[in-house]
Amino acid sequence: MFVFLSAAAAVALLPVYVYACAGFACFAGFLAFVFRDPARRAGAGIVAPADGTVREVDREKGLVSIYLALRNVHVTRAPIDGVVSRMVRHPGKHLPAFSKRSPNNERVEVTMDTSIGTVLITQMSGILARRIVPYVSDGHNLGKADKLGLIRFGSRVDLVMPPGKVDIKVVVGQRLRAGVTCVAEVSDDRAG
């Protein structure tokens, strides 16, 4: 008992700067984890534009919506080869990214002209995300899995593909890896 009290007293007597340094080190480690950017080799088919969990799939609209938690990589990637035809930033709110009202949040819409038609990637901020940093601009040529931008902290990414030209392969609740996981395949026009 005496040894425990002595150790507790010794810790309490440490200078404040030791606690401050430990706190800053923990915060720096957290930021390094959240903003990590691992190398990725492009997967088959049309790939996920973001790490995260599929929150919604609408095959009639060609929509795959992905929720990014704090533990996910927040670098977004091109799902298919193409050219950025339009990039627009919309200011807005910072509601939870998983809520039905999150389309009113700050967002960046990237429209790509691709071999299957127009593909739209919408990067939305969340309750903690305050900034979306695009890495591309109008006219930018992108290869599949090339970097589109960075969403700081929790967020959401919606991918809209031409509905008649793709066969969506993911289901709600499935975990995705940006640039790697196949979310859809191009439909075979000869099949029907």
N, C-alpha and C. Protein backbone atom coordinates (compact mmCIF):
# COMPACT_ATOMS: atom_id res chain seq x y z
N MET A 1 0.83 -1.19 0.00
CA MET A 1 0.00 0.00 0.00
C MET A 1 0.88 1.25 0.00
N PHE A 2 1.94 1.23 0.81
CA PHE A 2 2.84 2.37 0.90
C PHE A 2 3.54 2.62 -0.45
N VAL A 3 3.93 1.52 -1.14
CA VAL A 3 4.60 1.64 -2.42
C VAL A 3 3.67 2.29 -3.44
N PHE A 4 2.40 1.90 -3.44
CA PHE A 4 1.42 2.47 -4.37
C PHE A 4 1.25 3.97 -4.10
N LEU A 5 1.14 4.35 -2.85
CA LEU A 5 0.98 5.76 -2.52
C LEU A 5 2.22 6.55 -2.91
N SER A 6 3.39 5.98 -2.76
CA SER A 6 4.62 6.67 -3.13
C SER A 6 4.68 6.90 -4.63
N ALA A 7 4.28 5.90 -5.43
CA ALA A 7 4.29 6.04 -6.88
C ALA A 7 3.27 7.09 -7.31
N ALA A 8 2.10 7.07 -6.71
CA ALA A 8 1.07 8.05 -7.05
C ALA A 8 1.54 9.46 -6.69
N ALA A 9 2.19 9.60 -5.54
CA ALA A 9 2.70 10.91 -5.14
C ALA A 9 3.79 11.38 -6.10
N ALA A 10 4.65 10.47 -6.55
CA ALA A 10 5.72 10.83 -7.47
C ALA A 10 5.15 11.29 -8.81
N VAL A 11 4.11 10.62 -9.31
CA VAL A 11 3.47 11.01 -10.57
C VAL A 11 2.82 12.38 -10.43
N ALA A 12 2.19 12.62 -9.29
CA ALA A 12 1.53 13.90 -9.06
C ALA A 12 2.54 15.05 -9.00
N LEU A 13 3.78 14.75 -8.64
CA LEU A 13 4.78 15.79 -8.52
C LEU A 13 5.52 16.08 -9.84
N LEU A 14 5.25 15.28 -10.89
CA LEU A 14 5.90 15.54 -12.17
C LEU A 14 5.55 16.94 -12.65
N PRO A 15 6.48 17.60 -13.28
CA PRO A 15 6.19 18.95 -13.77
C PRO A 15 5.05 18.93 -14.80
N VAL A 16 4.34 20.01 -14.88
CA VAL A 16 3.20 20.14 -15.76
C VAL A 16 3.60 19.93 -17.22
N TYR A 17 4.81 20.35 -17.59
CA TYR A 17 5.21 20.23 -18.99
C TYR A 17 5.30 18.77 -19.44
N VAL A 18 5.57 17.85 -18.53
CA VAL A 18 5.61 16.42 -18.89
C VAL A 18 4.21 15.99 -19.30
N TYR A 19 3.19 16.40 -18.56
CA TYR A 19 1.81 16.07 -18.92
C TYR A 19 1.42 16.74 -20.24
N ALA A 20 1.84 17.99 -20.41
CA ALA A 20 1.54 18.70 -21.66
C ALA A 20 2.20 18.00 -22.84
N CYS A 21 3.44 17.58 -22.71
CA CYS A 21 4.14 16.88 -23.79
C CYS A 21 3.46 15.55 -24.12
N ALA A 22 3.05 14.83 -23.09
CA ALA A 22 2.36 13.57 -23.31
C ALA A 22 1.03 13.80 -24.04
N GLY A 23 0.33 14.85 -23.66
CA GLY A 23 -0.94 15.19 -24.33
C GLY A 23 -0.73 15.56 -25.78
N PHE A 24 0.29 16.38 -26.06
CA PHE A 24 0.59 16.76 -27.45
C PHE A 24 1.02 15.55 -28.26
N ALA A 25 1.79 14.66 -27.66
CA ALA A 25 2.23 13.45 -28.37
C ALA A 25 1.04 12.57 -28.73
N CYS A 26 0.11 12.42 -27.81
CA CYS A 26 -1.10 11.64 -28.09
C CYS A 26 -1.92 12.28 -29.21
N PHE A 27 -2.06 13.61 -29.16
CA PHE A 27 -2.83 14.32 -30.19
C PHE A 27 -2.14 14.19 -31.55
N ALA A 28 -0.81 14.31 -31.59
CA ALA A 28 -0.07 14.16 -32.84
C ALA A 28 -0.23 12.75 -33.41
N GLY A 29 -0.20 11.76 -32.54
CA GLY A 29 -0.42 10.37 -32.97
C GLY A 29 -1.81 10.18 -33.55
N PHE A 30 -2.82 10.79 -32.92
CA PHE A 30 -4.19 10.73 -33.41
C PHE A 30 -4.30 11.35 -34.80
N LEU A 31 -3.69 12.54 -34.99
CA LEU A 31 -3.74 13.21 -36.30
C LEU A 31 -3.02 12.39 -37.37
N ALA A 32 -1.89 11.80 -37.03
CA ALA A 32 -1.16 10.97 -37.99
C ALA A 32 -2.00 9.76 -38.40
N PHE A 33 -2.76 9.20 -37.45
CA PHE A 33 -3.62 8.06 -37.76
C PHE A 33 -4.78 8.48 -38.66
N VAL A 34 -5.44 9.59 -38.33
CA VAL A 34 -6.61 10.04 -39.09
C VAL A 34 -6.22 10.48 -40.50
N PHE A 35 -5.09 11.17 -40.66
CA PHE A 35 -4.70 11.71 -41.96
C PHE A 35 -3.69 10.83 -42.70
N ARG A 36 -3.65 9.56 -42.38
CA ARG A 36 -2.73 8.66 -43.07
C ARG A 36 -3.16 8.51 -44.54
N ASP A 37 -2.20 8.18 -45.37
CA ASP A 37 -2.44 8.06 -46.80
C ASP A 37 -1.66 6.87 -47.34
N PRO A 38 -2.16 5.65 -47.11
CA PRO A 38 -1.42 4.47 -47.55
C PRO A 38 -1.42 4.33 -49.07
N ALA A 39 -0.37 3.72 -49.60
CA ALA A 39 -0.31 3.44 -51.04
C ALA A 39 -1.38 2.40 -51.38
N ARG A 40 -2.03 2.58 -52.52
CA ARG A 40 -3.08 1.65 -52.94
C ARG A 40 -2.85 1.25 -54.39
N ARG A 41 -3.03 -0.03 -54.69
CA ARG A 41 -3.00 -0.53 -56.06
C ARG A 41 -4.45 -0.68 -56.51
N ALA A 42 -4.79 -0.12 -57.65
CA ALA A 42 -6.17 -0.12 -58.15
C ALA A 42 -6.72 -1.53 -58.29
N GLY A 43 -7.96 -1.69 -57.81
CA GLY A 43 -8.65 -2.97 -57.91
C GLY A 43 -9.38 -3.09 -59.24
N ALA A 44 -10.12 -4.18 -59.40
CA ALA A 44 -10.86 -4.45 -60.62
C ALA A 44 -12.18 -3.69 -60.64
N GLY A 45 -12.70 -3.45 -61.84
CA GLY A 45 -14.01 -2.80 -61.99
C GLY A 45 -13.98 -1.34 -61.61
N ILE A 46 -15.14 -0.83 -61.25
CA ILE A 46 -15.25 0.54 -60.75
C ILE A 46 -15.01 0.45 -59.25
N VAL A 47 -14.03 1.18 -58.76
CA VAL A 47 -13.59 1.01 -57.37
C VAL A 47 -14.21 2.05 -56.44
N ALA A 48 -14.16 1.76 -55.16
CA ALA A 48 -14.70 2.66 -54.14
C ALA A 48 -13.92 3.97 -54.14
N PRO A 49 -14.62 5.11 -54.07
CA PRO A 49 -13.93 6.39 -54.00
C PRO A 49 -13.43 6.72 -52.59
N ALA A 50 -13.88 5.96 -51.60
CA ALA A 50 -13.50 6.26 -50.21
C ALA A 50 -13.49 5.00 -49.36
N ASP A 51 -12.68 5.01 -48.30
CA ASP A 51 -12.75 3.98 -47.27
C ASP A 51 -14.01 4.22 -46.48
N GLY A 52 -14.60 3.18 -45.93
CA GLY A 52 -15.76 3.37 -45.09
C GLY A 52 -16.74 2.23 -45.22
N THR A 53 -17.97 2.51 -44.77
CA THR A 53 -19.04 1.52 -44.76
C THR A 53 -20.16 1.98 -45.68
N VAL A 54 -20.66 1.07 -46.51
CA VAL A 54 -21.76 1.41 -47.40
C VAL A 54 -22.99 1.69 -46.56
N ARG A 55 -23.56 2.90 -46.72
CA ARG A 55 -24.74 3.28 -45.94
C ARG A 55 -26.01 3.22 -46.77
N GLU A 56 -25.88 3.29 -48.10
CA GLU A 56 -27.05 3.25 -48.96
C GLU A 56 -26.63 2.79 -50.35
N VAL A 57 -27.50 1.99 -50.97
CA VAL A 57 -27.32 1.57 -52.36
C VAL A 57 -28.65 1.76 -53.05
N ASP A 58 -28.64 2.46 -54.19
CA ASP A 58 -29.86 2.63 -54.99
C ASP A 58 -29.48 2.27 -56.43
N ARG A 59 -29.82 1.05 -56.82
CA ARG A 59 -29.44 0.55 -58.15
C ARG A 59 -30.13 1.32 -59.27
N GLU A 60 -31.35 1.80 -59.02
CA GLU A 60 -32.08 2.55 -60.06
C GLU A 60 -31.42 3.89 -60.35
N LYS A 61 -30.80 4.49 -59.35
CA LYS A 61 -30.11 5.77 -59.53
C LYS A 61 -28.62 5.60 -59.78
N GLY A 62 -28.10 4.39 -59.60
CA GLY A 62 -26.66 4.16 -59.73
C GLY A 62 -25.88 4.73 -58.56
N LEU A 63 -26.51 4.80 -57.38
CA LEU A 63 -25.93 5.45 -56.19
C LEU A 63 -25.32 4.45 -55.22
N VAL A 64 -24.11 4.78 -54.77
CA VAL A 64 -23.48 4.09 -53.64
C VAL A 64 -23.04 5.19 -52.69
N SER A 65 -23.56 5.17 -51.45
CA SER A 65 -23.23 6.18 -50.45
C SER A 65 -22.36 5.52 -49.37
N ILE A 66 -21.27 6.19 -49.02
CA ILE A 66 -20.28 5.63 -48.10
C ILE A 66 -20.09 6.56 -46.91
N TYR A 67 -20.16 5.98 -45.70
CA TYR A 67 -19.91 6.74 -44.47
C TYR A 67 -18.48 6.48 -44.01
N LEU A 68 -17.73 7.55 -43.76
CA LEU A 68 -16.35 7.45 -43.28
C LEU A 68 -16.32 7.78 -41.80
N ALA A 69 -15.92 6.83 -40.99
CA ALA A 69 -15.74 7.06 -39.55
C ALA A 69 -14.33 7.59 -39.31
N LEU A 70 -14.06 8.02 -38.10
CA LEU A 70 -12.72 8.56 -37.78
C LEU A 70 -11.61 7.55 -38.04
N ARG A 71 -11.90 6.26 -37.91
CA ARG A 71 -10.87 5.24 -38.09
C ARG A 71 -10.49 5.00 -39.55
N ASN A 72 -11.31 5.52 -40.50
CA ASN A 72 -11.07 5.29 -41.92
C ASN A 72 -10.07 6.28 -42.49
N VAL A 73 -9.40 5.89 -43.59
CA VAL A 73 -8.55 6.80 -44.34
C VAL A 73 -9.47 7.83 -44.98
N HIS A 74 -9.09 9.10 -44.97
CA HIS A 74 -9.96 10.17 -45.46
C HIS A 74 -9.51 10.76 -46.80
N VAL A 75 -8.57 10.11 -47.47
CA VAL A 75 -8.18 10.50 -48.82
C VAL A 75 -9.16 9.82 -49.77
N THR A 76 -9.78 10.62 -50.65
CA THR A 76 -10.72 10.06 -51.61
C THR A 76 -10.02 9.83 -52.94
N ARG A 77 -10.56 8.88 -53.73
CA ARG A 77 -9.89 8.46 -54.97
C ARG A 77 -10.88 8.36 -56.12
N ALA A 78 -10.36 8.46 -57.35
CA ALA A 78 -11.19 8.34 -58.55
C ALA A 78 -11.65 6.88 -58.69
N PRO A 79 -12.94 6.66 -58.94
CA PRO A 79 -13.44 5.30 -59.06
C PRO A 79 -13.17 4.66 -60.43
N ILE A 80 -12.84 5.50 -61.42
CA ILE A 80 -12.68 5.04 -62.80
C ILE A 80 -11.82 6.08 -63.53
N ASP A 81 -11.20 5.67 -64.63
CA ASP A 81 -10.44 6.63 -65.45
C ASP A 81 -11.38 7.68 -66.02
N GLY A 82 -10.91 8.91 -66.12
CA GLY A 82 -11.74 9.95 -66.71
C GLY A 82 -11.12 11.33 -66.58
N VAL A 83 -11.89 12.31 -67.00
CA VAL A 83 -11.46 13.71 -66.96
C VAL A 83 -12.44 14.49 -66.08
N VAL A 84 -11.91 15.31 -65.19
CA VAL A 84 -12.77 16.15 -64.36
C VAL A 84 -13.37 17.23 -65.25
N SER A 85 -14.69 17.16 -65.44
CA SER A 85 -15.34 18.16 -66.29
C SER A 85 -15.86 19.33 -65.48
N ARG A 86 -16.06 19.09 -64.17
CA ARG A 86 -16.59 20.16 -63.32
C ARG A 86 -16.31 19.83 -61.86
N MET A 87 -15.86 20.84 -61.13
CA MET A 87 -15.69 20.69 -59.69
C MET A 87 -16.30 21.92 -59.02
N VAL A 88 -17.25 21.67 -58.12
CA VAL A 88 -17.97 22.77 -57.47
C VAL A 88 -17.97 22.57 -55.97
N ARG A 89 -17.63 23.63 -55.23
CA ARG A 89 -17.71 23.61 -53.76
C ARG A 89 -19.01 24.31 -53.35
N HIS A 90 -19.77 23.62 -52.50
CA HIS A 90 -21.01 24.18 -51.96
C HIS A 90 -20.84 24.41 -50.46
N PRO A 91 -20.91 25.65 -49.98
CA PRO A 91 -20.84 25.86 -48.53
C PRO A 91 -22.12 25.31 -47.90
N GLY A 92 -22.03 24.96 -46.65
CA GLY A 92 -23.22 24.43 -45.98
C GLY A 92 -22.98 24.17 -44.52
N LYS A 93 -23.84 23.33 -43.96
CA LYS A 93 -23.81 23.02 -42.53
C LYS A 93 -22.80 21.93 -42.23
N HIS A 94 -22.74 21.54 -40.97
CA HIS A 94 -21.86 20.46 -40.51
C HIS A 94 -22.66 19.51 -39.64
N LEU A 95 -23.69 18.91 -40.23
CA LEU A 95 -24.54 17.94 -39.54
C LEU A 95 -23.86 16.57 -39.59
N PRO A 96 -24.30 15.62 -38.75
CA PRO A 96 -23.69 14.28 -38.82
C PRO A 96 -23.77 13.72 -40.24
N ALA A 97 -22.68 13.13 -40.72
CA ALA A 97 -22.60 12.64 -42.11
C ALA A 97 -23.57 11.51 -42.39
N PHE A 98 -24.01 10.78 -41.37
CA PHE A 98 -24.92 9.66 -41.58
C PHE A 98 -26.39 10.09 -41.55
N SER A 99 -26.67 11.36 -41.28
CA SER A 99 -28.06 11.81 -41.18
C SER A 99 -28.66 12.05 -42.56
N LYS A 100 -29.98 12.03 -42.65
CA LYS A 100 -30.68 12.26 -43.92
C LYS A 100 -30.54 13.71 -44.37
N ARG A 101 -30.19 14.61 -43.45
CA ARG A 101 -30.04 16.02 -43.80
C ARG A 101 -28.61 16.38 -44.21
N SER A 102 -27.70 15.40 -44.25
CA SER A 102 -26.30 15.70 -44.57
C SER A 102 -26.08 16.24 -45.98
N PRO A 103 -26.98 16.02 -46.98
CA PRO A 103 -26.75 16.69 -48.27
C PRO A 103 -26.76 18.22 -48.17
N ASN A 104 -27.21 18.78 -47.04
CA ASN A 104 -27.14 20.22 -46.81
C ASN A 104 -25.79 20.65 -46.25
N ASN A 105 -24.91 19.70 -45.98
CA ASN A 105 -23.59 20.00 -45.44
C ASN A 105 -22.68 20.60 -46.51
N GLU A 106 -21.56 21.18 -46.04
CA GLU A 106 -20.54 21.62 -46.99
C GLU A 106 -20.13 20.41 -47.81
N ARG A 107 -19.98 20.61 -49.13
CA ARG A 107 -19.63 19.49 -49.99
C ARG A 107 -18.87 19.98 -51.22
N VAL A 108 -18.14 19.05 -51.80
CA VAL A 108 -17.46 19.30 -53.07
C VAL A 108 -17.94 18.22 -54.02
N GLU A 109 -18.48 18.67 -55.17
CA GLU A 109 -18.98 17.75 -56.19
C GLU A 109 -17.97 17.71 -57.33
N VAL A 110 -17.51 16.50 -57.65
CA VAL A 110 -16.57 16.30 -58.75
C VAL A 110 -17.30 15.50 -59.82
N THR A 111 -17.47 16.12 -60.99
CA THR A 111 -18.10 15.45 -62.12
C THR A 111 -17.01 14.99 -63.07
N MET A 112 -17.05 13.70 -63.44
CA MET A 112 -16.05 13.14 -64.34
C MET A 112 -16.70 12.64 -65.62
N ASP A 113 -16.07 12.92 -66.76
CA ASP A 113 -16.46 12.32 -68.03
C ASP A 113 -15.64 11.05 -68.18
N THR A 114 -16.33 9.91 -68.30
CA THR A 114 -15.65 8.61 -68.35
C THR A 114 -16.15 7.82 -69.56
N SER A 115 -15.58 6.65 -69.75
CA SER A 115 -15.98 5.78 -70.86
C SER A 115 -17.41 5.27 -70.72
N ILE A 116 -17.98 5.30 -69.52
CA ILE A 116 -19.36 4.83 -69.32
C ILE A 116 -20.34 6.00 -69.22
N GLY A 117 -19.85 7.22 -69.33
CA GLY A 117 -20.70 8.40 -69.21
C GLY A 117 -20.27 9.26 -68.03
N THR A 118 -21.19 10.08 -67.55
CA THR A 118 -20.89 10.99 -66.45
C THR A 118 -20.95 10.27 -65.10
N VAL A 119 -19.91 10.47 -64.31
CA VAL A 119 -19.84 9.91 -62.96
C VAL A 119 -19.69 11.09 -62.00
N LEU A 120 -20.49 11.10 -60.93
CA LEU A 120 -20.46 12.18 -59.95
C LEU A 120 -19.99 11.65 -58.61
N ILE A 121 -18.97 12.29 -58.05
CA ILE A 121 -18.47 11.95 -56.71
C ILE A 121 -18.72 13.17 -55.83
N THR A 122 -19.52 13.01 -54.78
CA THR A 122 -19.81 14.10 -53.86
C THR A 122 -19.15 13.81 -52.52
N GLN A 123 -18.23 14.69 -52.12
CA GLN A 123 -17.55 14.58 -50.84
C GLN A 123 -18.24 15.53 -49.87
N MET A 124 -18.78 15.00 -48.77
CA MET A 124 -19.52 15.82 -47.80
C MET A 124 -18.81 15.86 -46.47
N SER A 125 -18.86 17.02 -45.86
CA SER A 125 -18.31 17.15 -44.51
C SER A 125 -19.28 16.53 -43.51
N GLY A 126 -18.79 16.30 -42.31
CA GLY A 126 -19.62 15.77 -41.24
C GLY A 126 -19.65 16.74 -40.08
N ILE A 127 -20.01 16.24 -38.91
CA ILE A 127 -20.13 17.10 -37.73
C ILE A 127 -18.76 17.60 -37.28
N LEU A 128 -17.73 16.78 -37.42
CA LEU A 128 -16.37 17.19 -37.05
C LEU A 128 -15.58 17.71 -38.24
N ALA A 129 -15.94 17.23 -39.44
CA ALA A 129 -15.22 17.66 -40.64
C ALA A 129 -15.54 19.10 -40.94
N ARG A 130 -14.56 19.92 -41.04
CA ARG A 130 -14.77 21.34 -41.31
C ARG A 130 -14.17 21.76 -42.64
N ARG A 131 -13.46 20.87 -43.30
CA ARG A 131 -12.78 21.29 -44.52
C ARG A 131 -12.62 20.10 -45.46
N ILE A 132 -12.91 20.34 -46.73
CA ILE A 132 -12.67 19.38 -47.79
C ILE A 132 -11.58 20.00 -48.66
N VAL A 133 -10.49 19.28 -48.86
CA VAL A 133 -9.35 19.78 -49.61
C VAL A 133 -9.26 19.02 -50.93
N PRO A 134 -9.73 19.63 -52.05
CA PRO A 134 -9.62 18.93 -53.34
C PRO A 134 -8.19 18.95 -53.86
N TYR A 135 -7.80 17.86 -54.50
CA TYR A 135 -6.47 17.77 -55.12
C TYR A 135 -6.55 17.97 -56.63
N VAL A 136 -7.77 18.09 -57.19
CA VAL A 136 -7.95 18.19 -58.63
C VAL A 136 -8.75 19.44 -58.97
N SER A 137 -8.79 19.76 -60.27
CA SER A 137 -9.58 20.89 -60.75
C SER A 137 -10.13 20.53 -62.13
N ASP A 138 -10.92 21.42 -62.71
CA ASP A 138 -11.51 21.19 -64.02
C ASP A 138 -10.42 20.85 -65.05
N GLY A 139 -10.70 19.85 -65.88
CA GLY A 139 -9.77 19.46 -66.93
C GLY A 139 -8.70 18.47 -66.52
N HIS A 140 -8.68 18.11 -65.25
CA HIS A 140 -7.65 17.20 -64.72
C HIS A 140 -7.93 15.77 -65.21
N ASN A 141 -6.93 15.12 -65.82
CA ASN A 141 -7.04 13.71 -66.22
C ASN A 141 -6.74 12.84 -65.02
N LEU A 142 -7.61 11.87 -64.75
CA LEU A 142 -7.42 10.98 -63.61
C LEU A 142 -7.42 9.52 -64.05
N GLY A 143 -6.54 8.75 -63.47
CA GLY A 143 -6.57 7.31 -63.64
C GLY A 143 -7.35 6.72 -62.49
N LYS A 144 -7.81 5.50 -62.66
CA LYS A 144 -8.54 4.82 -61.59
C LYS A 144 -7.66 4.76 -60.35
N ALA A 145 -8.21 5.12 -59.20
CA ALA A 145 -7.56 5.12 -57.88
C ALA A 145 -6.63 6.31 -57.66
N ASP A 146 -6.56 7.26 -58.62
CA ASP A 146 -5.80 8.49 -58.37
C ASP A 146 -6.51 9.31 -57.29
N LYS A 147 -5.75 10.12 -56.57
CA LYS A 147 -6.31 10.88 -55.45
C LYS A 147 -7.17 12.05 -55.94
N LEU A 148 -8.36 12.18 -55.32
CA LEU A 148 -9.28 13.30 -55.60
C LEU A 148 -9.14 14.41 -54.58
N GLY A 149 -9.00 14.03 -53.31
CA GLY A 149 -8.95 15.04 -52.26
C GLY A 149 -8.89 14.42 -50.88
N LEU A 150 -9.04 15.28 -49.89
CA LEU A 150 -8.99 14.88 -48.48
C LEU A 150 -10.15 15.53 -47.75
N ILE A 151 -10.88 14.71 -47.00
CA ILE A 151 -11.94 15.23 -46.15
C ILE A 151 -11.44 15.11 -44.72
N ARG A 152 -11.38 16.21 -44.02
CA ARG A 152 -10.83 16.18 -42.67
C ARG A 152 -11.87 15.69 -41.67
N PHE A 153 -11.56 14.57 -41.03
CA PHE A 153 -12.38 13.90 -40.00
C PHE A 153 -13.62 13.24 -40.61
N GLY A 154 -14.55 12.77 -39.79
CA GLY A 154 -15.69 11.97 -40.23
C GLY A 154 -16.50 12.63 -41.34
N SER A 155 -16.99 11.84 -42.29
CA SER A 155 -17.62 12.43 -43.46
C SER A 155 -18.40 11.38 -44.25
N ARG A 156 -18.77 11.77 -45.48
CA ARG A 156 -19.55 10.90 -46.35
C ARG A 156 -19.16 11.17 -47.80
N VAL A 157 -19.17 10.12 -48.61
CA VAL A 157 -18.92 10.25 -50.04
C VAL A 157 -20.02 9.50 -50.78
N ASP A 158 -20.66 10.20 -51.74
CA ASP A 158 -21.67 9.57 -52.59
C ASP A 158 -21.09 9.42 -53.99
N LEU A 159 -21.30 8.26 -54.58
CA LEU A 159 -20.88 7.97 -55.94
C LEU A 159 -22.13 7.70 -56.76
N VAL A 160 -22.32 8.47 -57.84
CA VAL A 160 -23.46 8.26 -58.73
C VAL A 160 -22.93 7.92 -60.11
N MET A 161 -23.32 6.73 -60.60
CA MET A 161 -22.88 6.23 -61.90
C MET A 161 -24.08 6.10 -62.83
N PRO A 162 -23.87 6.06 -64.15
CA PRO A 162 -25.00 5.88 -65.06
C PRO A 162 -25.71 4.55 -64.77
N PRO A 163 -26.97 4.58 -64.33
CA PRO A 163 -27.63 3.37 -63.84
C PRO A 163 -27.75 2.23 -64.84
N GLY A 164 -27.96 2.51 -66.09
CA GLY A 164 -28.11 1.43 -67.07
C GLY A 164 -26.81 0.83 -67.53
N LYS A 165 -25.70 1.43 -67.13
CA LYS A 165 -24.40 1.00 -67.63
C LYS A 165 -23.55 0.28 -66.60
N VAL A 166 -24.04 0.19 -65.36
CA VAL A 166 -23.24 -0.46 -64.31
C VAL A 166 -24.08 -1.48 -63.55
N ASP A 167 -23.38 -2.45 -63.01
CA ASP A 167 -23.99 -3.46 -62.15
C ASP A 167 -23.35 -3.31 -60.77
N ILE A 168 -24.08 -2.73 -59.82
CA ILE A 168 -23.53 -2.47 -58.48
C ILE A 168 -23.34 -3.78 -57.73
N LYS A 169 -22.17 -3.96 -57.14
CA LYS A 169 -21.79 -5.21 -56.49
C LYS A 169 -21.76 -5.15 -54.96
N VAL A 170 -21.93 -3.97 -54.36
CA VAL A 170 -21.82 -3.85 -52.90
C VAL A 170 -23.19 -3.85 -52.25
N VAL A 171 -23.21 -4.10 -50.95
CA VAL A 171 -24.45 -4.10 -50.17
C VAL A 171 -24.28 -3.20 -48.95
N VAL A 172 -25.39 -2.75 -48.41
CA VAL A 172 -25.38 -1.90 -47.22
C VAL A 172 -24.66 -2.63 -46.08
N GLY A 173 -23.79 -1.90 -45.40
CA GLY A 173 -23.03 -2.46 -44.28
C GLY A 173 -21.66 -2.99 -44.67
N GLN A 174 -21.39 -3.13 -45.94
CA GLN A 174 -20.10 -3.65 -46.41
C GLN A 174 -19.02 -2.61 -46.22
N ARG A 175 -17.84 -3.06 -45.80
CA ARG A 175 -16.69 -2.16 -45.64
C ARG A 175 -15.91 -2.08 -46.94
N LEU A 176 -15.47 -0.86 -47.26
CA LEU A 176 -14.78 -0.60 -48.52
C LEU A 176 -13.40 -0.02 -48.30
N ARG A 177 -12.52 -0.23 -49.26
CA ARG A 177 -11.20 0.40 -49.28
C ARG A 177 -11.09 1.20 -50.56
N ALA A 178 -10.81 2.49 -50.43
CA ALA A 178 -10.74 3.40 -51.58
C ALA A 178 -9.71 2.92 -52.60
N GLY A 179 -10.13 2.90 -53.86
CA GLY A 179 -9.24 2.53 -54.94
C GLY A 179 -9.02 1.04 -55.08
N VAL A 180 -9.53 0.23 -54.15
CA VAL A 180 -9.27 -1.21 -54.15
C VAL A 180 -10.55 -2.03 -54.32
N THR A 181 -11.55 -1.76 -53.48
CA THR A 181 -12.78 -2.56 -53.49
C THR A 181 -13.63 -2.25 -54.71
N CYS A 182 -14.05 -3.28 -55.42
CA CYS A 182 -14.93 -3.12 -56.58
C CYS A 182 -16.34 -2.81 -56.09
N VAL A 183 -16.89 -1.65 -56.48
CA VAL A 183 -18.27 -1.31 -56.10
C VAL A 183 -19.24 -1.61 -57.23
N ALA A 184 -18.73 -1.64 -58.47
CA ALA A 184 -19.61 -1.91 -59.62
C ALA A 184 -18.77 -2.40 -60.79
N GLU A 185 -19.45 -3.09 -61.70
CA GLU A 185 -18.83 -3.50 -62.95
C GLU A 185 -19.63 -2.93 -64.10
N VAL A 186 -18.96 -2.69 -65.19
CA VAL A 186 -19.64 -2.17 -66.37
C VAL A 186 -20.53 -3.27 -66.91
N SER A 187 -21.81 -2.95 -67.17
CA SER A 187 -22.75 -3.93 -67.71
C SER A 187 -22.35 -4.28 -69.14
N ASP A 188 -22.57 -5.52 -69.51
CA ASP A 188 -22.27 -5.98 -70.86
C ASP A 188 -23.44 -5.61 -71.76
N ASP A 189 -23.22 -4.68 -72.70
CA ASP A 189 -24.29 -4.23 -73.61
C ASP A 189 -24.84 -5.35 -74.47
N ARG A 190 -24.05 -6.37 -74.70
CA ARG A 190 -24.50 -7.47 -75.56
C ARG A 190 -25.45 -8.41 -74.83
N ALA A 191 -25.52 -8.30 -73.49
CA ALA A 191 -26.36 -9.22 -72.70
C ALA A 191 -27.84 -8.94 -72.87
N GLY A 192 -28.24 -7.81 -73.34
CA GLY A 192 -29.67 -7.58 -73.43
C GLY A 192 -29.97 -6.47 -74.32
